[in-house]
Amino acid sequence: MASVSGPRRARIAFSDSAAKQLENISSEAEVRALDRALVVISVDPEAGEPIPGDTTGPQLRQYTDEFEAVRVLYFVTVLRTVVVVAYIEV
């Protein structure tokens, strides 16, 4: 019997600068805010809006979660991996 499942989530990776930001997260609220944004992006990598600029590499995008007041800057690779460049509390 074939398994029925939803769409595959994109893999999430962190750039070195984003990984350093993660090391400095100190509260559960910050973790939840970032986690919520990452779930949205992993389900739909196109959820964010493109940031205008250089188009020679992967398109840098930004996703803002107004509820959690966090913004994530990221790009999507051809293998559908979401690479988080930075996150910003707004």
C-alpha atoms as a PDB file:
ATOM      1  CA  MET A   1       0.000   0.000   0.000  1.00  0.00           C
ATOM      2  CA  ALA A   2       1.395   3.397  -1.005  1.00  0.00           C
ATOM      3  CA  SER A   3       1.996   5.899   1.736  1.00  0.00           C
ATOM      4  CA  VAL A   4       0.214   9.223   1.471  1.00  0.00           C
ATOM      5  CA  SER A   5       2.064  12.160   2.916  1.00  0.00           C
ATOM      6  CA  GLY A   6       2.230  15.906   2.537  1.00  0.00           C
ATOM      7  CA  PRO A   7       4.850  17.809   0.622  1.00  0.00           C
ATOM      8  CA  ARG A   8       8.458  17.203   1.574  1.00  0.00           C
ATOM      9  CA  ARG A   9      10.023  19.836   3.737  1.00  0.00           C
ATOM     10  CA  ALA A  10      13.182  21.561   2.626  1.00  0.00           C
ATOM     11  CA  ARG A  11      16.344  20.865   4.577  1.00  0.00           C
ATOM     12  CA  ILE A  12      17.532  23.817   6.705  1.00  0.00           C
ATOM     13  CA  ALA A  13      21.228  24.713   6.937  1.00  0.00           C
ATOM     14  CA  PHE A  14      22.937  27.674   8.577  1.00  0.00           C
ATOM     15  CA  SER A  15      25.768  29.835   7.288  1.00  0.00           C
ATOM     16  CA  ASP A  16      28.673  30.388   9.686  1.00  0.00           C
ATOM     17  CA  SER A  17      27.339  33.814  10.685  1.00  0.00           C
ATOM     18  CA  ALA A  18      23.845  32.448  11.345  1.00  0.00           C
ATOM     19  CA  ALA A  19      25.314  29.554  13.358  1.00  0.00           C
ATOM     20  CA  LYS A  20      27.129  32.084  15.549  1.00  0.00           C
ATOM     21  CA  GLN A  21      23.843  33.916  16.083  1.00  0.00           C
ATOM     22  CA  LEU A  22      22.263  30.644  17.234  1.00  0.00           C
ATOM     23  CA  GLU A  23      24.968  30.236  19.864  1.00  0.00           C
ATOM     24  CA  ASN A  24      23.869  33.537  21.400  1.00  0.00           C
ATOM     25  CA  ILE A  25      20.176  32.710  21.718  1.00  0.00           C
ATOM     26  CA  SER A  26      19.441  32.737  25.404  1.00  0.00           C
ATOM     27  CA  SER A  27      15.683  32.592  25.838  1.00  0.00           C
ATOM     28  CA  GLU A  28      12.997  30.054  25.075  1.00  0.00           C
ATOM     29  CA  ALA A  29      10.940  32.818  23.413  1.00  0.00           C
ATOM     30  CA  GLU A  30      13.738  33.494  20.902  1.00  0.00           C
ATOM     31  CA  VAL A  31      14.014  29.785  20.112  1.00  0.00           C
ATOM     32  CA  ARG A  32      10.248  29.524  19.536  1.00  0.00           C
ATOM     33  CA  ALA A  33      10.217  32.621  17.326  1.00  0.00           C
ATOM     34  CA  LEU A  34      13.020  31.342  15.115  1.00  0.00           C
ATOM     35  CA  ASP A  35      11.583  27.815  15.067  1.00  0.00           C
ATOM     36  CA  ARG A  36       8.188  29.068  13.883  1.00  0.00           C
ATOM     37  CA  ALA A  37       9.794  30.996  11.017  1.00  0.00           C
ATOM     38  CA  LEU A  38      11.967  28.023  10.022  1.00  0.00           C
ATOM     39  CA  VAL A  39       8.947  25.705   9.884  1.00  0.00           C
ATOM     40  CA  VAL A  40       7.172  28.061   7.483  1.00  0.00           C
ATOM     41  CA  ILE A  41      10.241  28.359   5.256  1.00  0.00           C
ATOM     42  CA  SER A  42      10.914  24.603   5.285  1.00  0.00           C
ATOM     43  CA  VAL A  43       7.365  23.880   4.146  1.00  0.00           C
ATOM     44  CA  ASP A  44       7.396  26.645   1.505  1.00  0.00           C
ATOM     45  CA  PRO A  45      10.865  27.992   0.645  1.00  0.00           C
ATOM     46  CA  GLU A  46       9.227  30.577  -1.607  1.00  0.00           C
ATOM     47  CA  ALA A  47       7.247  32.044   1.322  1.00  0.00           C
ATOM     48  CA  GLY A  48       9.664  34.917   1.703  1.00  0.00           C
ATOM     49  CA  GLU A  49      10.088  37.771  -0.705  1.00  0.00           C
ATOM     50  CA  PRO A  50      13.152  38.213  -2.913  1.00  0.00           C
ATOM     51  CA  ILE A  51      15.624  40.900  -1.907  1.00  0.00           C
ATOM     52  CA  PRO A  52      16.639  42.945  -4.956  1.00  0.00           C
ATOM     53  CA  GLY A  53      20.299  42.802  -5.827  1.00  0.00           C
ATOM     54  CA  ASP A  54      22.884  40.676  -7.541  1.00  0.00           C
ATOM     55  CA  THR A  55      21.325  37.796  -9.479  1.00  0.00           C
ATOM     56  CA  THR A  56      24.543  35.906 -10.294  1.00  0.00           C
ATOM     57  CA  GLY A  57      24.100  33.485  -7.382  1.00  0.00           C
ATOM     58  CA  PRO A  58      21.126  32.127  -5.486  1.00  0.00           C
ATOM     59  CA  GLN A  59      18.419  34.745  -4.858  1.00  0.00           C
ATOM     60  CA  LEU A  60      18.569  36.113  -1.327  1.00  0.00           C
ATOM     61  CA  ARG A  61      15.114  36.125   0.254  1.00  0.00           C
ATOM     62  CA  GLN A  62      13.591  37.432   3.469  1.00  0.00           C
ATOM     63  CA  TYR A  63      10.731  36.013   5.485  1.00  0.00           C
ATOM     64  CA  THR A  64       9.153  38.119   8.221  1.00  0.00           C
ATOM     65  CA  ASP A  65       6.932  36.555  10.852  1.00  0.00           C
ATOM     66  CA  GLU A  66       4.919  39.498  12.168  1.00  0.00           C
ATOM     67  CA  PHE A  67       3.454  37.473  15.050  1.00  0.00           C
ATOM     68  CA  GLU A  68       6.827  36.433  16.446  1.00  0.00           C
ATOM     69  CA  ALA A  69       8.586  39.643  15.314  1.00  0.00           C
ATOM     70  CA  VAL A  70      11.473  37.881  13.602  1.00  0.00           C
ATOM     71  CA  ARG A  71      12.932  38.212  10.103  1.00  0.00           C
ATOM     72  CA  VAL A  72      15.005  35.481   8.454  1.00  0.00           C
ATOM     73  CA  LEU A  73      17.365  36.117   5.531  1.00  0.00           C
ATOM     74  CA  TYR A  74      18.029  33.012   3.446  1.00  0.00           C
ATOM     75  CA  PHE A  75      18.546  31.525   0.014  1.00  0.00           C
ATOM     76  CA  VAL A  76      17.427  28.247  -1.524  1.00  0.00           C
ATOM     77  CA  THR A  77      19.900  25.973  -3.297  1.00  0.00           C
ATOM     78  CA  VAL A  78      19.096  24.007  -6.437  1.00  0.00           C
ATOM     79  CA  LEU A  79      18.742  20.937  -4.221  1.00  0.00           C
ATOM     80  CA  ARG A  80      16.025  22.784  -2.258  1.00  0.00           C
ATOM     81  CA  THR A  81      18.105  23.321   0.864  1.00  0.00           C
ATOM     82  CA  VAL A  82      17.262  26.527   2.696  1.00  0.00           C
ATOM     83  CA  VAL A  83      20.471  28.227   3.849  1.00  0.00           C
ATOM     84  CA  VAL A  84      19.810  30.721   6.634  1.00  0.00           C
ATOM     85  CA  VAL A  85      22.173  33.675   6.408  1.00  0.00           C
ATOM     86  CA  ALA A  86      20.860  35.690   9.358  1.00  0.00           C
ATOM     87  CA  TYR A  87      17.867  36.303  11.531  1.00  0.00           C
ATOM     88  CA  ILE A  88      16.818  39.614  12.951  1.00  0.00           C
ATOM     89  CA  GLU A  89      14.398  40.410  15.728  1.00  0.00           C
ATOM     90  CA  VAL A  90      12.057  43.163  14.517  1.00  0.00           C
END
